[in-house]
Amino acid sequence: MAISPLDLQTLFTQADKVGKQSMAQREGAALLQSIQHVRIQQQNDEKARSVNETQNTGDGSEAIDDENGGRAGQDSPQGTPQEAKEEETQDEGIIRDPALGKNIDFSF
């Protein structure tokens, strides 16, 4: 199948349009990739700036009793947690401030 001169004329006039289309397709792919990169970067920045919500740690029954070195309520010399509360009420000679540890002083 031979190419006629009329076909060559048509091909040469359309060659610049084909070149522009292929270049636009290549640039479009690169542009899409850069847009995705910017979105990912913005999401990472937002995660870094935001305050993360803490996970639920349970009802507190897993608390460790530092004085005895074990779990609270397990083989403790104080017995039940009620006995421990009664012992705390006996120490009424100690003055406790409810605001203690809640304020931070930034003065220099």
C-alpha atoms as a PDB file:
ATOM      1  CA  MET A   1       0.000   0.000   0.000  1.00  0.00           C
ATOM      2  CA  ALA A   2       1.598   3.170  -1.215  1.00  0.00           C
ATOM      3  CA  ILE A   3       1.173   6.609   0.341  1.00  0.00           C
ATOM      4  CA  SER A   4      -0.222   9.149  -2.054  1.00  0.00           C
ATOM      5  CA  PRO A   5       1.025  12.758  -2.174  1.00  0.00           C
ATOM      6  CA  LEU A   6      -2.348  13.959  -0.905  1.00  0.00           C
ATOM      7  CA  ASP A   7      -1.983  11.809   2.220  1.00  0.00           C
ATOM      8  CA  LEU A   8       1.513  13.210   2.821  1.00  0.00           C
ATOM      9  CA  GLN A   9       0.191  16.766   2.597  1.00  0.00           C
ATOM     10  CA  THR A  10      -2.490  15.965   5.154  1.00  0.00           C
ATOM     11  CA  LEU A  11      -0.006  14.250   7.484  1.00  0.00           C
ATOM     12  CA  PHE A  12       2.456  17.156   7.384  1.00  0.00           C
ATOM     13  CA  THR A  13      -0.220  19.716   8.226  1.00  0.00           C
ATOM     14  CA  GLN A  14      -1.434  17.643  11.165  1.00  0.00           C
ATOM     15  CA  ALA A  15       2.049  16.806  12.520  1.00  0.00           C
ATOM     16  CA  ASP A  16       2.278  19.910  14.722  1.00  0.00           C
ATOM     17  CA  LYS A  17      -1.121  19.161  16.278  1.00  0.00           C
ATOM     18  CA  VAL A  18      -0.080  15.598  17.071  1.00  0.00           C
ATOM     19  CA  GLY A  19       3.142  16.848  18.651  1.00  0.00           C
ATOM     20  CA  LYS A  20       1.248  19.312  20.824  1.00  0.00           C
ATOM     21  CA  GLN A  21      -1.203  16.631  21.928  1.00  0.00           C
ATOM     22  CA  SER A  22       1.503  14.170  22.915  1.00  0.00           C
ATOM     23  CA  MET A  23       3.408  16.875  24.814  1.00  0.00           C
ATOM     24  CA  ALA A  24       0.202  17.888  26.642  1.00  0.00           C
ATOM     25  CA  GLN A  25      -0.379  14.255  27.648  1.00  0.00           C
ATOM     26  CA  ARG A  26       3.145  13.948  29.052  1.00  0.00           C
ATOM     27  CA  GLU A  27       2.855  17.247  30.923  1.00  0.00           C
ATOM     28  CA  GLY A  28      -0.587  16.243  32.215  1.00  0.00           C
ATOM     29  CA  ALA A  29       0.814  13.087  33.794  1.00  0.00           C
ATOM     30  CA  ALA A  30       3.625  15.040  35.444  1.00  0.00           C
ATOM     31  CA  LEU A  31       1.162  17.697  36.613  1.00  0.00           C
ATOM     32  CA  LEU A  32      -1.140  15.060  38.092  1.00  0.00           C
ATOM     33  CA  GLN A  33       1.777  13.498  39.955  1.00  0.00           C
ATOM     34  CA  SER A  34       2.851  16.856  41.386  1.00  0.00           C
ATOM     35  CA  ILE A  35      -0.728  17.619  42.496  1.00  0.00           C
ATOM     36  CA  GLN A  36      -0.909  14.286  44.317  1.00  0.00           C
ATOM     37  CA  HIS A  37       2.444  15.007  45.957  1.00  0.00           C
ATOM     38  CA  VAL A  38       1.185  18.391  47.181  1.00  0.00           C
ATOM     39  CA  ARG A  39      -1.997  16.814  48.600  1.00  0.00           C
ATOM     40  CA  ILE A  40      -0.015  14.174  50.476  1.00  0.00           C
ATOM     41  CA  GLN A  41       2.320  16.847  51.838  1.00  0.00           C
ATOM     42  CA  GLN A  42      -0.651  18.932  53.016  1.00  0.00           C
ATOM     43  CA  GLN A  43      -2.173  15.903  54.758  1.00  0.00           C
ATOM     44  CA  ASN A  44       1.129  15.171  56.515  1.00  0.00           C
ATOM     45  CA  ASP A  45       1.437  18.801  57.610  1.00  0.00           C
ATOM     46  CA  GLU A  46      -2.137  18.771  58.914  1.00  0.00           C
ATOM     47  CA  LYS A  47      -1.469  15.588  60.884  1.00  0.00           C
ATOM     48  CA  ALA A  48       1.660  17.155  62.376  1.00  0.00           C
ATOM     49  CA  ARG A  49      -0.206  20.313  63.427  1.00  0.00           C
ATOM     50  CA  SER A  50      -3.320  18.625  64.787  1.00  0.00           C
ATOM     51  CA  VAL A  51      -3.792  17.320  68.296  1.00  0.00           C
ATOM     52  CA  ASN A  52      -4.353  13.600  68.256  1.00  0.00           C
ATOM     53  CA  GLU A  53      -7.196  12.124  70.267  1.00  0.00           C
ATOM     54  CA  THR A  54      -6.060   9.756  72.973  1.00  0.00           C
ATOM     55  CA  GLN A  55      -7.111   6.147  72.910  1.00  0.00           C
ATOM     56  CA  ASN A  56      -9.371   4.747  75.588  1.00  0.00           C
ATOM     57  CA  THR A  57      -7.178   3.158  78.242  1.00  0.00           C
ATOM     58  CA  GLY A  58      -9.981   1.273  79.923  1.00  0.00           C
ATOM     59  CA  ASP A  59     -11.836   1.773  83.170  1.00  0.00           C
ATOM     60  CA  GLY A  60      -8.680   2.056  85.250  1.00  0.00           C
ATOM     61  CA  SER A  61      -8.813  -1.432  86.713  1.00  0.00           C
ATOM     62  CA  GLU A  62      -5.457  -2.163  85.091  1.00  0.00           C
ATOM     63  CA  ALA A  63      -3.687   0.577  87.060  1.00  0.00           C
ATOM     64  CA  ILE A  64      -0.340  -0.384  88.533  1.00  0.00           C
ATOM     65  CA  ASP A  65       0.189   0.100  92.242  1.00  0.00           C
ATOM     66  CA  ASP A  66       3.681   1.625  92.388  1.00  0.00           C
ATOM     67  CA  GLU A  67       4.077   1.208  96.134  1.00  0.00           C
ATOM     68  CA  ASN A  68       3.713  -2.557  96.025  1.00  0.00           C
ATOM     69  CA  GLY A  69       5.264  -3.168  92.621  1.00  0.00           C
ATOM     70  CA  GLY A  70       2.271  -5.127  91.345  1.00  0.00           C
ATOM     71  CA  ARG A  71      -1.224  -4.617  90.069  1.00  0.00           C
ATOM     72  CA  ALA A  72      -3.648  -2.739  92.280  1.00  0.00           C
ATOM     73  CA  GLY A  73      -5.873  -5.027  94.314  1.00  0.00           C
ATOM     74  CA  GLN A  74      -3.806  -8.175  93.709  1.00  0.00           C
ATOM     75  CA  ASP A  75      -2.010  -9.567  96.759  1.00  0.00           C
ATOM     76  CA  SER A  76      -1.639  -6.104  98.233  1.00  0.00           C
ATOM     77  CA  PRO A  77      -0.940  -5.886 101.961  1.00  0.00           C
ATOM     78  CA  GLN A  78      -3.692  -3.297 102.293  1.00  0.00           C
ATOM     79  CA  GLY A  79      -6.394  -5.784 101.268  1.00  0.00           C
ATOM     80  CA  THR A  80      -9.404  -4.450  99.403  1.00  0.00           C
ATOM     81  CA  PRO A  81      -9.584  -1.021  97.797  1.00  0.00           C
ATOM     82  CA  GLN A  82     -12.128   0.013 100.431  1.00  0.00           C
ATOM     83  CA  GLU A  83      -9.567  -0.583 103.175  1.00  0.00           C
ATOM     84  CA  ALA A  84      -7.096   1.563 101.254  1.00  0.00           C
ATOM     85  CA  LYS A  85      -9.621   4.425 101.112  1.00  0.00           C
ATOM     86  CA  GLU A  86     -10.228   4.106 104.839  1.00  0.00           C
ATOM     87  CA  GLU A  87      -6.489   4.319 105.445  1.00  0.00           C
ATOM     88  CA  GLU A  88      -6.308   7.492 103.343  1.00  0.00           C
ATOM     89  CA  THR A  89      -9.040   9.126 105.412  1.00  0.00           C
ATOM     90  CA  GLN A  90      -7.022   8.390 108.549  1.00  0.00           C
ATOM     91  CA  ASP A  91      -4.216  10.589 107.201  1.00  0.00           C
ATOM     92  CA  GLU A  92      -6.290  13.753 107.655  1.00  0.00           C
ATOM     93  CA  GLY A  93      -3.318  15.544 109.185  1.00  0.00           C
ATOM     94  CA  ILE A  94      -1.904  16.009 105.689  1.00  0.00           C
ATOM     95  CA  ILE A  95      -3.115  19.124 103.880  1.00  0.00           C
ATOM     96  CA  ARG A  96      -3.846  18.516 100.205  1.00  0.00           C
ATOM     97  CA  ASP A  97      -4.437  21.217  97.625  1.00  0.00           C
ATOM     98  CA  PRO A  98      -6.908  20.212  94.877  1.00  0.00           C
ATOM     99  CA  ALA A  99      -5.278  22.663  92.437  1.00  0.00           C
ATOM    100  CA  LEU A 100      -1.819  21.208  93.026  1.00  0.00           C
ATOM    101  CA  GLY A 101      -0.177  20.307  89.736  1.00  0.00           C
ATOM    102  CA  LYS A 102      -2.877  21.884  87.578  1.00  0.00           C
ATOM    103  CA  ASN A 103      -1.226  25.274  86.975  1.00  0.00           C
ATOM    104  CA  ILE A 104       1.959  25.944  85.064  1.00  0.00           C
ATOM    105  CA  ASP A 105       3.961  29.091  85.759  1.00  0.00           C
ATOM    106  CA  PHE A 106       5.815  30.362  82.682  1.00  0.00           C
ATOM    107  CA  SER A 107       7.240  33.515  84.270  1.00  0.00           C
ATOM    108  CA  PHE A 108      10.971  34.039  83.969  1.00  0.00           C
END
